[in-house]
Amino acid sequence: EALGHESAVFEPSTAASDLAVFQYTSGTTRELPEAVKHTHRSVVTLMVAALYGVGLEPGDRYFCPSSPAWGHGLWHGTIAPLALGIHIAAYSGKFDPVRVLEALQEFSIDNFSAAPTVIRMIRNSGAVGRYRIKLAKLSYTGEPMDLSTWDWAREAFGIEPRSMYGSTEVGVLVVNFPGFADYKVKRGALGLPVPGLEVEVIDKEGRVLPAKHSGEIAVRRKDGWFYVKDRGYRDEEGYLFIEGRSDDVIISAGWTMSAVEIENTLLKHPAVAEAAVVGVPDALRGQVAKAFVVARRDGTGVVEDIQAFMKAQLSQHEYPRHIEFVGELPKTPAGKINRKAL
């Protein structure tokens, strides 16, 4: 009945400053994830970033298997390509690297963008040689790609994987320009800033550091420098290299996890007296969470019991895949847990 009073013709009236998307951060520095409010201007901004970061062009046969619950799948897998009038493919169900290879062949995908973990899983499947895959552009984001996987992808697909780097709050900052034939890719580098952005490595006083000096990666905004909470350096040609997170954050398969949040949840388990969590290298996911636990009791089944409890309390990717029992945790003179020692 209410629809009967409405016009049959839809007339959009949307300003650039109107809200478009609420995207939630991973809650690494707060009790609960926080909504980052993106306006319709963000849609246009991310369209431009996709041109440089994913190399989207009319006629591309494009596939991004990342979930739209993650910024990569939301913006670069869905919104940006559709806004640019480019067809997309979407992945549904439990991830299977062979299924991805089948899709790359069946749909003649020539532009593929994924997390490094996806590339590692495809590599570990050992199945790539069974499929006819002709990629012209291959990009990745969410975490650094280890050099052995990078080298394998270049050999397997015949093209150089190209990184795209940014954050939930400010979007894409640094790209490796897929599709730009005259652009030089540097092995291990994130790339160069997106045109129009000022991205630098700075010290705690906000001073830009010279080449080869480590510092905080930051982007210039209207109200000053915005710290992305990663450390890195730039070389003499301006290429950016990442060295890791500047806080106690673990990035596993592209997902950002808070060590403090995992520790606080562990302490809710009746068998846990003390706990500390660090990220440890993992051949598939880049990093996984490892927990050092001072236990109130030990015995058969305690590790499985703690892991089952953590899976029920947190997301599936957040539970500690490795648990080591220790008599005590190393502490700093101030009494804080010494994660570096762990």
C-alpha atoms as a PDB file:
ATOM      1  CA  GLU A   1       0.000   0.000   0.000  1.00  0.00           C
ATOM      2  CA  ALA A   2       2.840   2.372   0.864  1.00  0.00           C
ATOM      3  CA  LEU A   3       4.502   1.715  -2.492  1.00  0.00           C
ATOM      4  CA  GLY A   4       1.393   2.931  -4.243  1.00  0.00           C
ATOM      5  CA  HIS A   5       2.190   6.467  -3.099  1.00  0.00           C
ATOM      6  CA  GLU A   6       5.738   6.349  -4.447  1.00  0.00           C
ATOM      7  CA  SER A   7       6.897   7.379  -7.903  1.00  0.00           C
ATOM      8  CA  ALA A   8       7.512   4.588 -10.410  1.00  0.00           C
ATOM      9  CA  VAL A   9      10.644   6.423 -11.545  1.00  0.00           C
ATOM     10  CA  PHE A  10      13.734   6.266  -9.341  1.00  0.00           C
ATOM     11  CA  GLU A  11      15.655   9.522  -9.253  1.00  0.00           C
ATOM     12  CA  PRO A  12      18.969   9.184  -7.419  1.00  0.00           C
ATOM     13  CA  SER A  13      20.111  12.126  -5.370  1.00  0.00           C
ATOM     14  CA  THR A  14      23.466  11.254  -3.831  1.00  0.00           C
ATOM     15  CA  ALA A  15      26.142  13.653  -2.692  1.00  0.00           C
ATOM     16  CA  ALA A  16      29.836  12.766  -2.535  1.00  0.00           C
ATOM     17  CA  SER A  17      29.745  13.270   1.237  1.00  0.00           C
ATOM     18  CA  ASP A  18      26.762  10.947   1.827  1.00  0.00           C
ATOM     19  CA  LEU A  19      27.477   7.710   3.675  1.00  0.00           C
ATOM     20  CA  ALA A  20      27.905   4.670   1.443  1.00  0.00           C
ATOM     21  CA  VAL A  21      29.623   1.857   3.350  1.00  0.00           C
ATOM     22  CA  PHE A  22      30.313   0.905   6.950  1.00  0.00           C
ATOM     23  CA  GLN A  23      33.480  -1.189   6.977  1.00  0.00           C
ATOM     24  CA  TYR A  24      34.590  -2.703  10.273  1.00  0.00           C
ATOM     25  CA  THR A  25      38.212  -2.830  11.347  1.00  0.00           C
ATOM     26  CA  SER A  26      39.668  -5.907  13.011  1.00  0.00           C
ATOM     27  CA  GLY A  27      39.536  -4.360  16.467  1.00  0.00           C
ATOM     28  CA  THR A  28      43.265  -4.614  17.117  1.00  0.00           C
ATOM     29  CA  THR A  29      43.497  -1.627  19.470  1.00  0.00           C
ATOM     30  CA  ARG A  30      40.037  -1.583  21.021  1.00  0.00           C
ATOM     31  CA  GLU A  31      37.620  -3.953  22.750  1.00  0.00           C
ATOM     32  CA  LEU A  32      35.292  -4.199  19.763  1.00  0.00           C
ATOM     33  CA  PRO A  33      35.774  -3.621  16.017  1.00  0.00           C
ATOM     34  CA  GLU A  34      35.017  -0.061  14.967  1.00  0.00           C
ATOM     35  CA  ALA A  35      33.025   1.004  11.946  1.00  0.00           C
ATOM     36  CA  VAL A  36      34.989   3.062   9.434  1.00  0.00           C
ATOM     37  CA  LYS A  37      32.472   5.253   7.634  1.00  0.00           C
ATOM     38  CA  HIS A  38      33.085   5.548   3.895  1.00  0.00           C
ATOM     39  CA  THR A  39      31.226   8.097   1.785  1.00  0.00           C
ATOM     40  CA  HIS A  40      30.291   7.827  -1.883  1.00  0.00           C
ATOM     41  CA  ARG A  41      33.493   9.722  -2.619  1.00  0.00           C
ATOM     42  CA  SER A  42      35.322   6.611  -1.386  1.00  0.00           C
ATOM     43  CA  VAL A  43      33.742   4.565  -4.163  1.00  0.00           C
ATOM     44  CA  VAL A  44      35.267   6.885  -6.758  1.00  0.00           C
ATOM     45  CA  THR A  45      38.608   6.930  -4.924  1.00  0.00           C
ATOM     46  CA  LEU A  46      38.767   3.125  -4.809  1.00  0.00           C
ATOM     47  CA  MET A  47      37.810   2.923  -8.491  1.00  0.00           C
ATOM     48  CA  VAL A  48      40.891   5.007  -9.284  1.00  0.00           C
ATOM     49  CA  ALA A  49      43.066   2.914  -6.958  1.00  0.00           C
ATOM     50  CA  ALA A  50      41.811  -0.275  -8.648  1.00  0.00           C
ATOM     51  CA  LEU A  51      42.983   1.020 -12.019  1.00  0.00           C
ATOM     52  CA  TYR A  52      46.530   1.208 -10.675  1.00  0.00           C
ATOM     53  CA  GLY A  53      46.523  -1.542  -8.015  1.00  0.00           C
ATOM     54  CA  VAL A  54      44.635  -4.277  -9.870  1.00  0.00           C
ATOM     55  CA  GLY A  55      45.127  -2.957 -13.402  1.00  0.00           C
ATOM     56  CA  LEU A  56      41.408  -3.115 -14.225  1.00  0.00           C
ATOM     57  CA  GLU A  57      40.572  -2.273 -17.828  1.00  0.00           C
ATOM     58  CA  PRO A  58      37.442  -2.665 -19.983  1.00  0.00           C
ATOM     59  CA  GLY A  59      37.298  -6.182 -21.375  1.00  0.00           C
ATOM     60  CA  ASP A  60      39.222  -7.792 -18.490  1.00  0.00           C
ATOM     61  CA  ARG A  61      38.063 -11.229 -17.411  1.00  0.00           C
ATOM     62  CA  TYR A  62      38.550 -10.558 -13.722  1.00  0.00           C
ATOM     63  CA  PHE A  63      38.427 -12.828 -10.673  1.00  0.00           C
ATOM     64  CA  CYS A  64      39.085 -12.011  -7.012  1.00  0.00           C
ATOM     65  CA  PRO A  65      38.318 -14.937  -4.655  1.00  0.00           C
ATOM     66  CA  SER A  66      38.605 -12.817  -1.481  1.00  0.00           C
ATOM     67  CA  SER A  67      35.513 -12.677   0.712  1.00  0.00           C
ATOM     68  CA  PRO A  68      33.592  -9.356   0.678  1.00  0.00           C
ATOM     69  CA  ALA A  69      33.842  -9.522   4.484  1.00  0.00           C
ATOM     70  CA  TRP A  70      37.423  -8.324   3.919  1.00  0.00           C
ATOM     71  CA  GLY A  71      38.305  -4.973   2.341  1.00  0.00           C
ATOM     72  CA  HIS A  72      40.027  -6.569  -0.657  1.00  0.00           C
ATOM     73  CA  GLY A  73      36.985  -8.630  -1.584  1.00  0.00           C
ATOM     74  CA  LEU A  74      34.576  -5.804  -0.809  1.00  0.00           C
ATOM     75  CA  TRP A  75      36.244  -2.945  -2.655  1.00  0.00           C
ATOM     76  CA  HIS A  76      38.500  -4.520  -5.256  1.00  0.00           C
ATOM     77  CA  GLY A  77      36.636  -7.764  -5.733  1.00  0.00           C
ATOM     78  CA  THR A  78      33.153  -6.270  -5.953  1.00  0.00           C
ATOM     79  CA  ILE A  79      32.444  -2.527  -5.736  1.00  0.00           C
ATOM     80  CA  ALA A  80      35.292  -1.020  -7.800  1.00  0.00           C
ATOM     81  CA  PRO A  81      35.114  -3.364 -10.821  1.00  0.00           C
ATOM     82  CA  LEU A  82      31.315  -3.203 -10.998  1.00  0.00           C
ATOM     83  CA  ALA A  83      31.407   0.590 -10.720  1.00  0.00           C
ATOM     84  CA  LEU A  84      33.879   0.575 -13.624  1.00  0.00           C
ATOM     85  CA  GLY A  85      31.570  -1.640 -15.682  1.00  0.00           C
ATOM     86  CA  ILE A  86      33.833  -4.693 -15.537  1.00  0.00           C
ATOM     87  CA  HIS A  87      32.499  -8.221 -15.096  1.00  0.00           C
ATOM     88  CA  ILE A  88      33.528 -10.060 -11.930  1.00  0.00           C
ATOM     89  CA  ALA A  89      33.620 -13.640 -10.714  1.00  0.00           C
ATOM     90  CA  ALA A  90      32.869 -14.451  -7.072  1.00  0.00           C
ATOM     91  CA  TYR A  91      33.859 -17.447  -4.972  1.00  0.00           C
ATOM     92  CA  SER A  92      31.348 -19.268  -2.766  1.00  0.00           C
ATOM     93  CA  GLY A  93      31.853 -22.021  -0.229  1.00  0.00           C
ATOM     94  CA  LYS A  94      34.864 -23.609   1.469  1.00  0.00           C
ATOM     95  CA  PHE A  95      38.068 -22.600  -0.274  1.00  0.00           C
ATOM     96  CA  ASP A  96      39.658 -25.166  -2.566  1.00  0.00           C
ATOM     97  CA  PRO A  97      42.744 -24.192  -4.614  1.00  0.00           C
ATOM     98  CA  VAL A  98      41.926 -26.738  -7.341  1.00  0.00           C
ATOM     99  CA  ARG A  99      38.481 -25.178  -7.722  1.00  0.00           C
ATOM    100  CA  VAL A 100      40.193 -21.812  -8.267  1.00  0.00           C
ATOM    101  CA  LEU A 101      42.420 -23.326 -10.953  1.00  0.00           C
ATOM    102  CA  GLU A 102      39.355 -24.801 -12.635  1.00  0.00           C
ATOM    103  CA  ALA A 103      37.718 -21.372 -12.636  1.00  0.00           C
ATOM    104  CA  LEU A 104      40.807 -19.668 -14.042  1.00  0.00           C
ATOM    105  CA  GLN A 105      40.737 -22.098 -16.970  1.00  0.00           C
ATOM    106  CA  GLU A 106      36.978 -22.405 -17.514  1.00  0.00           C
ATOM    107  CA  PHE A 107      36.285 -18.664 -17.500  1.00  0.00           C
ATOM    108  CA  SER A 108      39.524 -17.722 -19.310  1.00  0.00           C
ATOM    109  CA  ILE A 109      40.486 -15.352 -16.482  1.00  0.00           C
ATOM    110  CA  ASP A 110      43.261 -12.956 -17.510  1.00  0.00           C
ATOM    111  CA  ASN A 111      43.260 -10.682 -14.422  1.00  0.00           C
ATOM    112  CA  PHE A 112      43.563 -12.433 -11.041  1.00  0.00           C
ATOM    113  CA  SER A 113      43.851 -10.712  -7.652  1.00  0.00           C
ATOM    114  CA  ALA A 114      44.171 -12.641  -4.385  1.00  0.00           C
ATOM    115  CA  ALA A 115      45.853 -12.878  -0.988  1.00  0.00           C
ATOM    116  CA  PRO A 116      49.323 -14.438  -0.877  1.00  0.00           C
ATOM    117  CA  THR A 117      47.846 -17.342   1.096  1.00  0.00           C
ATOM    118  CA  VAL A 118      45.710 -18.218  -1.933  1.00  0.00           C
ATOM    119  CA  ILE A 119      48.829 -18.317  -4.109  1.00  0.00           C
ATOM    120  CA  ARG A 120      50.591 -20.509  -1.511  1.00  0.00           C
ATOM    121  CA  MET A 121      47.640 -22.924  -1.432  1.00  0.00           C
ATOM    122  CA  ILE A 122      47.631 -23.137  -5.231  1.00  0.00           C
ATOM    123  CA  ARG A 123      51.364 -23.817  -5.137  1.00  0.00           C
ATOM    124  CA  ASN A 124      50.991 -26.506  -2.449  1.00  0.00           C
ATOM    125  CA  SER A 125      48.236 -28.243  -4.416  1.00  0.00           C
ATOM    126  CA  GLY A 126      50.774 -29.199  -7.083  1.00  0.00           C
ATOM    127  CA  ALA A 127      47.971 -29.016  -9.651  1.00  0.00           C
ATOM    128  CA  VAL A 128      48.754 -25.860 -11.613  1.00  0.00           C
ATOM    129  CA  GLY A 129      50.405 -27.783 -14.453  1.00  0.00           C
ATOM    130  CA  ARG A 130      47.147 -29.590 -15.248  1.00  0.00           C
ATOM    131  CA  TYR A 131      45.347 -26.422 -16.315  1.00  0.00           C
ATOM    132  CA  ARG A 132      45.587 -23.991 -19.211  1.00  0.00           C
ATOM    133  CA  ILE A 133      45.910 -20.621 -17.498  1.00  0.00           C
ATOM    134  CA  LYS A 134      46.785 -17.441 -19.362  1.00  0.00           C
ATOM    135  CA  LEU A 135      47.028 -14.561 -16.925  1.00  0.00           C
ATOM    136  CA  ALA A 136      48.032 -11.109 -18.116  1.00  0.00           C
ATOM    137  CA  LYS A 137      47.826  -9.513 -14.636  1.00  0.00           C
ATOM    138  CA  LEU A 138      48.384 -10.994 -11.183  1.00  0.00           C
ATOM    139  CA  SER A 139      48.119  -8.872  -8.029  1.00  0.00           C
ATOM    140  CA  TYR A 140      48.034  -9.594  -4.305  1.00  0.00           C
ATOM    141  CA  THR A 141      47.392  -7.754  -1.040  1.00  0.00           C
ATOM    142  CA  GLY A 142      46.678  -8.215   2.666  1.00  0.00           C
ATOM    143  CA  GLU A 143      50.117  -9.440   3.708  1.00  0.00           C
ATOM    144  CA  PRO A 144      53.656  -9.629   2.326  1.00  0.00           C
ATOM    145  CA  MET A 145      54.380 -12.473  -0.075  1.00  0.00           C
ATOM    146  CA  ASP A 146      57.414 -14.566   0.792  1.00  0.00           C
ATOM    147  CA  LEU A 147      60.016 -14.539  -1.953  1.00  0.00           C
ATOM    148  CA  SER A 148      59.885 -18.284  -2.643  1.00  0.00           C
ATOM    149  CA  THR A 149      56.150 -18.051  -3.397  1.00  0.00           C
ATOM    150  CA  TRP A 150      56.736 -14.913  -5.480  1.00  0.00           C
ATOM    151  CA  ASP A 151      59.351 -16.698  -7.555  1.00  0.00           C
ATOM    152  CA  TRP A 152      57.117 -19.736  -7.990  1.00  0.00           C
ATOM    153  CA  ALA A 153      54.162 -17.611  -9.161  1.00  0.00           C
ATOM    154  CA  ARG A 154      56.324 -15.796 -11.697  1.00  0.00           C
ATOM    155  CA  GLU A 155      57.501 -19.125 -13.082  1.00  0.00           C
ATOM    156  CA  ALA A 156      54.106 -20.868 -12.964  1.00  0.00           C
ATOM    157  CA  PHE A 157      52.021 -18.071 -14.517  1.00  0.00           C
ATOM    158  CA  GLY A 158      54.680 -16.388 -16.634  1.00  0.00           C
ATOM    159  CA  ILE A 159      54.094 -12.936 -15.132  1.00  0.00           C
ATOM    160  CA  GLU A 160      55.359 -11.010 -12.113  1.00  0.00           C
ATOM    161  CA  PRO A 161      53.036 -10.894  -9.081  1.00  0.00           C
ATOM    162  CA  ARG A 162      52.363  -7.264  -8.169  1.00  0.00           C
ATOM    163  CA  SER A 163      51.653  -6.049  -4.664  1.00  0.00           C
ATOM    164  CA  MET A 164      48.921  -3.635  -3.534  1.00  0.00           C
ATOM    165  CA  TYR A 165      49.143  -2.109  -0.051  1.00  0.00           C
ATOM    166  CA  GLY A 166      46.877   0.012   2.151  1.00  0.00           C
ATOM    167  CA  SER A 167      44.575  -0.021   5.190  1.00  0.00           C
ATOM    168  CA  THR A 168      40.887  -0.057   6.088  1.00  0.00           C
ATOM    169  CA  GLU A 169      40.940   3.582   7.177  1.00  0.00           C
ATOM    170  CA  VAL A 170      42.664   5.144   4.162  1.00  0.00           C
ATOM    171  CA  GLY A 171      42.349   2.607   1.351  1.00  0.00           C
ATOM    172  CA  VAL A 172      45.063   1.784  -1.177  1.00  0.00           C
ATOM    173  CA  LEU A 173      48.355   3.647  -0.760  1.00  0.00           C
ATOM    174  CA  VAL A 174      51.071   1.769  -2.658  1.00  0.00           C
ATOM    175  CA  VAL A 175      50.800  -0.299  -5.853  1.00  0.00           C
ATOM    176  CA  ASN A 176      52.950  -2.144  -8.374  1.00  0.00           C
ATOM    177  CA  PHE A 177      50.910  -1.072 -11.429  1.00  0.00           C
ATOM    178  CA  PRO A 178      49.664  -4.328 -13.080  1.00  0.00           C
ATOM    179  CA  GLY A 179      49.201  -3.868 -16.803  1.00  0.00           C
ATOM    180  CA  PHE A 180      51.798  -1.092 -17.100  1.00  0.00           C
ATOM    181  CA  ALA A 181      54.371  -2.630 -19.433  1.00  0.00           C
ATOM    182  CA  ASP A 182      57.027   0.037 -18.824  1.00  0.00           C
ATOM    183  CA  TYR A 183      56.876  -0.224 -15.027  1.00  0.00           C
ATOM    184  CA  LYS A 184      59.807  -1.948 -13.312  1.00  0.00           C
ATOM    185  CA  VAL A 185      58.801  -4.423 -10.620  1.00  0.00           C
ATOM    186  CA  LYS A 186      61.275  -4.900  -7.787  1.00  0.00           C
ATOM    187  CA  ARG A 187      61.285  -8.306  -6.148  1.00  0.00           C
ATOM    188  CA  GLY A 188      60.137  -7.943  -2.540  1.00  0.00           C
ATOM    189  CA  ALA A 189      58.967  -4.312  -2.856  1.00  0.00           C
ATOM    190  CA  LEU A 190      55.418  -3.102  -2.213  1.00  0.00           C
ATOM    191  CA  GLY A 191      55.803  -0.666  -5.092  1.00  0.00           C
ATOM    192  CA  LEU A 192      55.292   3.094  -5.435  1.00  0.00           C
ATOM    193  CA  PRO A 193      52.578   5.411  -4.067  1.00  0.00           C
ATOM    194  CA  VAL A 194      49.289   5.684  -5.908  1.00  0.00           C
ATOM    195  CA  PRO A 195      49.319   8.864  -8.058  1.00  0.00           C
ATOM    196  CA  GLY A 196      48.089  11.814  -6.044  1.00  0.00           C
ATOM    197  CA  LEU A 197      49.158  10.419  -2.653  1.00  0.00           C
ATOM    198  CA  GLU A 198      52.160  11.371  -0.541  1.00  0.00           C
ATOM    199  CA  VAL A 199      53.383   8.224   1.218  1.00  0.00           C
ATOM    200  CA  GLU A 200      56.619   8.400   3.187  1.00  0.00           C
ATOM    201  CA  VAL A 201      58.652   6.682   5.877  1.00  0.00           C
ATOM    202  CA  ILE A 202      58.835   9.019   8.850  1.00  0.00           C
ATOM    203  CA  ASP A 203      60.214   9.098  12.390  1.00  0.00           C
ATOM    204  CA  LYS A 204      58.265   9.657  15.611  1.00  0.00           C
ATOM    205  CA  GLU A 205      58.639  13.427  15.221  1.00  0.00           C
ATOM    206  CA  GLY A 206      57.005  13.351  11.791  1.00  0.00           C
ATOM    207  CA  ARG A 207      60.197  13.953   9.819  1.00  0.00           C
ATOM    208  CA  VAL A 208      60.645  12.216   6.481  1.00  0.00           C
ATOM    209  CA  LEU A 209      63.527   9.757   6.637  1.00  0.00           C
ATOM    210  CA  PRO A 210      66.114   9.319   3.876  1.00  0.00           C
ATOM    211  CA  ALA A 211      66.428   6.157   1.784  1.00  0.00           C
ATOM    212  CA  LYS A 212      67.326   2.893   3.555  1.00  0.00           C
ATOM    213  CA  HIS A 213      66.288   4.268   6.971  1.00  0.00           C
ATOM    214  CA  SER A 214      63.584   2.305   8.820  1.00  0.00           C
ATOM    215  CA  GLY A 215      60.586   4.130  10.238  1.00  0.00           C
ATOM    216  CA  GLU A 216      56.806   4.331  10.304  1.00  0.00           C
ATOM    217  CA  ILE A 217      54.903   4.193   7.012  1.00  0.00           C
ATOM    218  CA  ALA A 218      52.511   7.133   6.816  1.00  0.00           C
ATOM    219  CA  VAL A 219      50.306   8.947   4.309  1.00  0.00           C
ATOM    220  CA  ARG A 220      49.768  12.716   4.193  1.00  0.00           C
ATOM    221  CA  ARG A 221      46.185  13.792   4.892  1.00  0.00           C
ATOM    222  CA  LYS A 222      44.585  17.193   5.338  1.00  0.00           C
ATOM    223  CA  ASP A 223      45.221  17.144   9.092  1.00  0.00           C
ATOM    224  CA  GLY A 224      48.769  15.797   8.913  1.00  0.00           C
ATOM    225  CA  TRP A 225      50.444  12.385   8.762  1.00  0.00           C
ATOM    226  CA  PHE A 226      48.335   9.255   9.208  1.00  0.00           C
ATOM    227  CA  TYR A 227      50.365   6.346  10.567  1.00  0.00           C
ATOM    228  CA  VAL A 228      49.483   3.011   8.961  1.00  0.00           C
ATOM    229  CA  LYS A 229      51.086   1.122  11.893  1.00  0.00           C
ATOM    230  CA  ASP A 230      53.605  -0.679   9.713  1.00  0.00           C
ATOM    231  CA  ARG A 231      57.352  -0.213   9.662  1.00  0.00           C
ATOM    232  CA  GLY A 232      59.397  -0.090   6.486  1.00  0.00           C
ATOM    233  CA  TYR A 233      61.878   1.810   4.373  1.00  0.00           C
ATOM    234  CA  ARG A 234      62.235   3.251   0.873  1.00  0.00           C
ATOM    235  CA  ASP A 235      65.115   2.685  -1.516  1.00  0.00           C
ATOM    236  CA  GLU A 236      66.884   5.304  -3.629  1.00  0.00           C
ATOM    237  CA  GLU A 237      64.236   5.051  -6.361  1.00  0.00           C
ATOM    238  CA  GLY A 238      61.347   5.519  -3.943  1.00  0.00           C
ATOM    239  CA  TYR A 239      60.168   1.890  -3.826  1.00  0.00           C
ATOM    240  CA  LEU A 240      58.621   0.975  -0.471  1.00  0.00           C
ATOM    241  CA  PHE A 241      59.620  -2.156   1.474  1.00  0.00           C
ATOM    242  CA  ILE A 242      57.698  -3.392   4.518  1.00  0.00           C
ATOM    243  CA  GLU A 243      59.413  -4.718   7.647  1.00  0.00           C
ATOM    244  CA  GLY A 244      56.413  -5.682   9.766  1.00  0.00           C
ATOM    245  CA  ARG A 245      53.775  -4.314  12.099  1.00  0.00           C
ATOM    246  CA  SER A 246      54.699  -1.584  14.520  1.00  0.00           C
ATOM    247  CA  ASP A 247      52.449  -2.947  17.269  1.00  0.00           C
ATOM    248  CA  ASP A 248      51.480  -6.374  18.579  1.00  0.00           C
ATOM    249  CA  VAL A 249      49.447  -7.341  15.553  1.00  0.00           C
ATOM    250  CA  ILE A 250      49.548 -10.705  13.799  1.00  0.00           C
ATOM    251  CA  ILE A 251      48.602 -10.980  10.118  1.00  0.00           C
ATOM    252  CA  SER A 252      47.552 -14.505   9.161  1.00  0.00           C
ATOM    253  CA  ALA A 253      46.332 -15.263   5.638  1.00  0.00           C
ATOM    254  CA  GLY A 254      45.493 -11.575   5.256  1.00  0.00           C
ATOM    255  CA  TRP A 255      43.447 -11.401   8.467  1.00  0.00           C
ATOM    256  CA  THR A 256      44.598  -8.961  11.135  1.00  0.00           C
ATOM    257  CA  MET A 257      44.548 -10.324  14.678  1.00  0.00           C
ATOM    258  CA  SER A 258      45.252  -8.734  18.037  1.00  0.00           C
ATOM    259  CA  ALA A 259      47.685 -10.625  20.250  1.00  0.00           C
ATOM    260  CA  VAL A 260      46.211  -8.865  23.272  1.00  0.00           C
ATOM    261  CA  GLU A 261      42.665  -9.927  22.394  1.00  0.00           C
ATOM    262  CA  ILE A 262      43.747 -13.568  22.014  1.00  0.00           C
ATOM    263  CA  GLU A 263      45.632 -13.410  25.323  1.00  0.00           C
ATOM    264  CA  ASN A 264      42.637 -11.954  27.152  1.00  0.00           C
ATOM    265  CA  THR A 265      40.426 -14.711  25.801  1.00  0.00           C
ATOM    266  CA  LEU A 266      42.931 -17.404  26.786  1.00  0.00           C
ATOM    267  CA  LEU A 267      42.888 -16.116  30.344  1.00  0.00           C
ATOM    268  CA  LYS A 268      39.167 -16.903  30.550  1.00  0.00           C
ATOM    269  CA  HIS A 269      39.964 -20.620  30.345  1.00  0.00           C
ATOM    270  CA  PRO A 270      40.156 -22.240  33.809  1.00  0.00           C
ATOM    271  CA  ALA A 271      43.398 -24.091  32.983  1.00  0.00           C
ATOM    272  CA  VAL A 272      45.284 -20.897  32.002  1.00  0.00           C
ATOM    273  CA  ALA A 273      47.104 -18.866  34.632  1.00  0.00           C
ATOM    274  CA  GLU A 274      49.145 -16.668  32.305  1.00  0.00           C
ATOM    275  CA  ALA A 275      49.333 -16.368  28.548  1.00  0.00           C
ATOM    276  CA  ALA A 276      51.290 -14.521  25.872  1.00  0.00           C
ATOM    277  CA  VAL A 277      50.702 -14.679  22.131  1.00  0.00           C
ATOM    278  CA  VAL A 278      53.102 -13.963  19.282  1.00  0.00           C
ATOM    279  CA  GLY A 279      53.050 -14.464  15.536  1.00  0.00           C
ATOM    280  CA  VAL A 280      55.266 -17.246  14.211  1.00  0.00           C
ATOM    281  CA  PRO A 281      56.149 -18.003  10.565  1.00  0.00           C
ATOM    282  CA  ASP A 282      53.854 -20.376   8.694  1.00  0.00           C
ATOM    283  CA  ALA A 283      54.502 -21.701   5.194  1.00  0.00           C
ATOM    284  CA  LEU A 284      50.832 -21.416   4.193  1.00  0.00           C
ATOM    285  CA  ARG A 285      49.397 -18.448   6.075  1.00  0.00           C
ATOM    286  CA  GLY A 286      52.483 -16.263   6.415  1.00  0.00           C
ATOM    287  CA  GLN A 287      51.985 -16.093  10.178  1.00  0.00           C
ATOM    288  CA  VAL A 288      49.904 -17.952  12.750  1.00  0.00           C
ATOM    289  CA  ALA A 289      49.282 -17.299  16.429  1.00  0.00           C
ATOM    290  CA  LYS A 290      51.375 -19.200  18.951  1.00  0.00           C
ATOM    291  CA  ALA A 291      50.436 -19.107  22.628  1.00  0.00           C
ATOM    292  CA  PHE A 292      52.862 -19.523  25.504  1.00  0.00           C
ATOM    293  CA  VAL A 293      50.801 -20.666  28.477  1.00  0.00           C
ATOM    294  CA  VAL A 294      51.500 -20.990  32.185  1.00  0.00           C
ATOM    295  CA  ALA A 295      48.983 -23.673  33.058  1.00  0.00           C
ATOM    296  CA  ARG A 296      47.065 -24.270  36.258  1.00  0.00           C
ATOM    297  CA  ARG A 297      46.923 -27.939  35.346  1.00  0.00           C
ATOM    298  CA  ASP A 298      48.392 -30.119  32.647  1.00  0.00           C
ATOM    299  CA  GLY A 299      47.768 -33.571  31.255  1.00  0.00           C
ATOM    300  CA  THR A 300      46.275 -35.263  28.246  1.00  0.00           C
ATOM    301  CA  GLY A 301      43.819 -33.242  26.225  1.00  0.00           C
ATOM    302  CA  VAL A 302      44.566 -29.813  27.735  1.00  0.00           C
ATOM    303  CA  VAL A 303      45.857 -28.344  24.440  1.00  0.00           C
ATOM    304  CA  GLU A 304      42.831 -29.646  22.528  1.00  0.00           C
ATOM    305  CA  ASP A 305      40.501 -28.347  25.245  1.00  0.00           C
ATOM    306  CA  ILE A 306      42.041 -24.858  25.129  1.00  0.00           C
ATOM    307  CA  GLN A 307      41.939 -24.745  21.314  1.00  0.00           C
ATOM    308  CA  ALA A 308      38.290 -25.862  21.227  1.00  0.00           C
ATOM    309  CA  PHE A 309      37.469 -23.146  23.758  1.00  0.00           C
ATOM    310  CA  MET A 310      39.282 -20.492  21.693  1.00  0.00           C
ATOM    311  CA  LYS A 311      37.536 -21.537  18.466  1.00  0.00           C
ATOM    312  CA  ALA A 312      34.201 -21.030  20.212  1.00  0.00           C
ATOM    313  CA  GLN A 313      35.192 -17.605  21.576  1.00  0.00           C
ATOM    314  CA  LEU A 314      36.964 -16.067  18.558  1.00  0.00           C
ATOM    315  CA  SER A 315      36.949 -16.271  14.788  1.00  0.00           C
ATOM    316  CA  GLN A 316      38.284 -19.490  13.299  1.00  0.00           C
ATOM    317  CA  HIS A 317      41.471 -17.833  12.072  1.00  0.00           C
ATOM    318  CA  GLU A 318      42.289 -16.343  15.491  1.00  0.00           C
ATOM    319  CA  TYR A 319      42.728 -19.399  17.687  1.00  0.00           C
ATOM    320  CA  PRO A 320      46.359 -20.253  18.542  1.00  0.00           C
ATOM    321  CA  ARG A 321      47.434 -23.075  16.248  1.00  0.00           C
ATOM    322  CA  HIS A 322      50.480 -23.696  18.440  1.00  0.00           C
ATOM    323  CA  ILE A 323      50.475 -23.864  22.244  1.00  0.00           C
ATOM    324  CA  GLU A 324      53.605 -24.268  24.337  1.00  0.00           C
ATOM    325  CA  PHE A 325      53.461 -24.700  28.102  1.00  0.00           C
ATOM    326  CA  VAL A 326      56.114 -22.836  30.103  1.00  0.00           C
ATOM    327  CA  GLY A 327      56.891 -22.477  33.775  1.00  0.00           C
ATOM    328  CA  GLU A 328      56.885 -18.685  33.597  1.00  0.00           C
ATOM    329  CA  LEU A 329      56.714 -15.921  31.015  1.00  0.00           C
ATOM    330  CA  PRO A 330      59.677 -13.586  30.390  1.00  0.00           C
ATOM    331  CA  LYS A 331      59.011 -10.066  31.622  1.00  0.00           C
ATOM    332  CA  THR A 332      60.516  -6.638  31.016  1.00  0.00           C
ATOM    333  CA  PRO A 333      61.813  -4.558  33.963  1.00  0.00           C
ATOM    334  CA  ALA A 334      58.442  -2.810  33.917  1.00  0.00           C
ATOM    335  CA  GLY A 335      56.686  -6.130  34.455  1.00  0.00           C
ATOM    336  CA  LYS A 336      55.264  -6.393  30.957  1.00  0.00           C
ATOM    337  CA  ILE A 337      55.439  -9.608  28.947  1.00  0.00           C
ATOM    338  CA  ASN A 338      58.582  -9.585  26.782  1.00  0.00           C
ATOM    339  CA  ARG A 339      57.206 -10.724  23.435  1.00  0.00           C
ATOM    340  CA  LYS A 340      60.526 -10.153  21.710  1.00  0.00           C
ATOM    341  CA  ALA A 341      62.085 -12.777  23.979  1.00  0.00           C
ATOM    342  CA  LEU A 342      59.313 -15.209  23.092  1.00  0.00           C
END
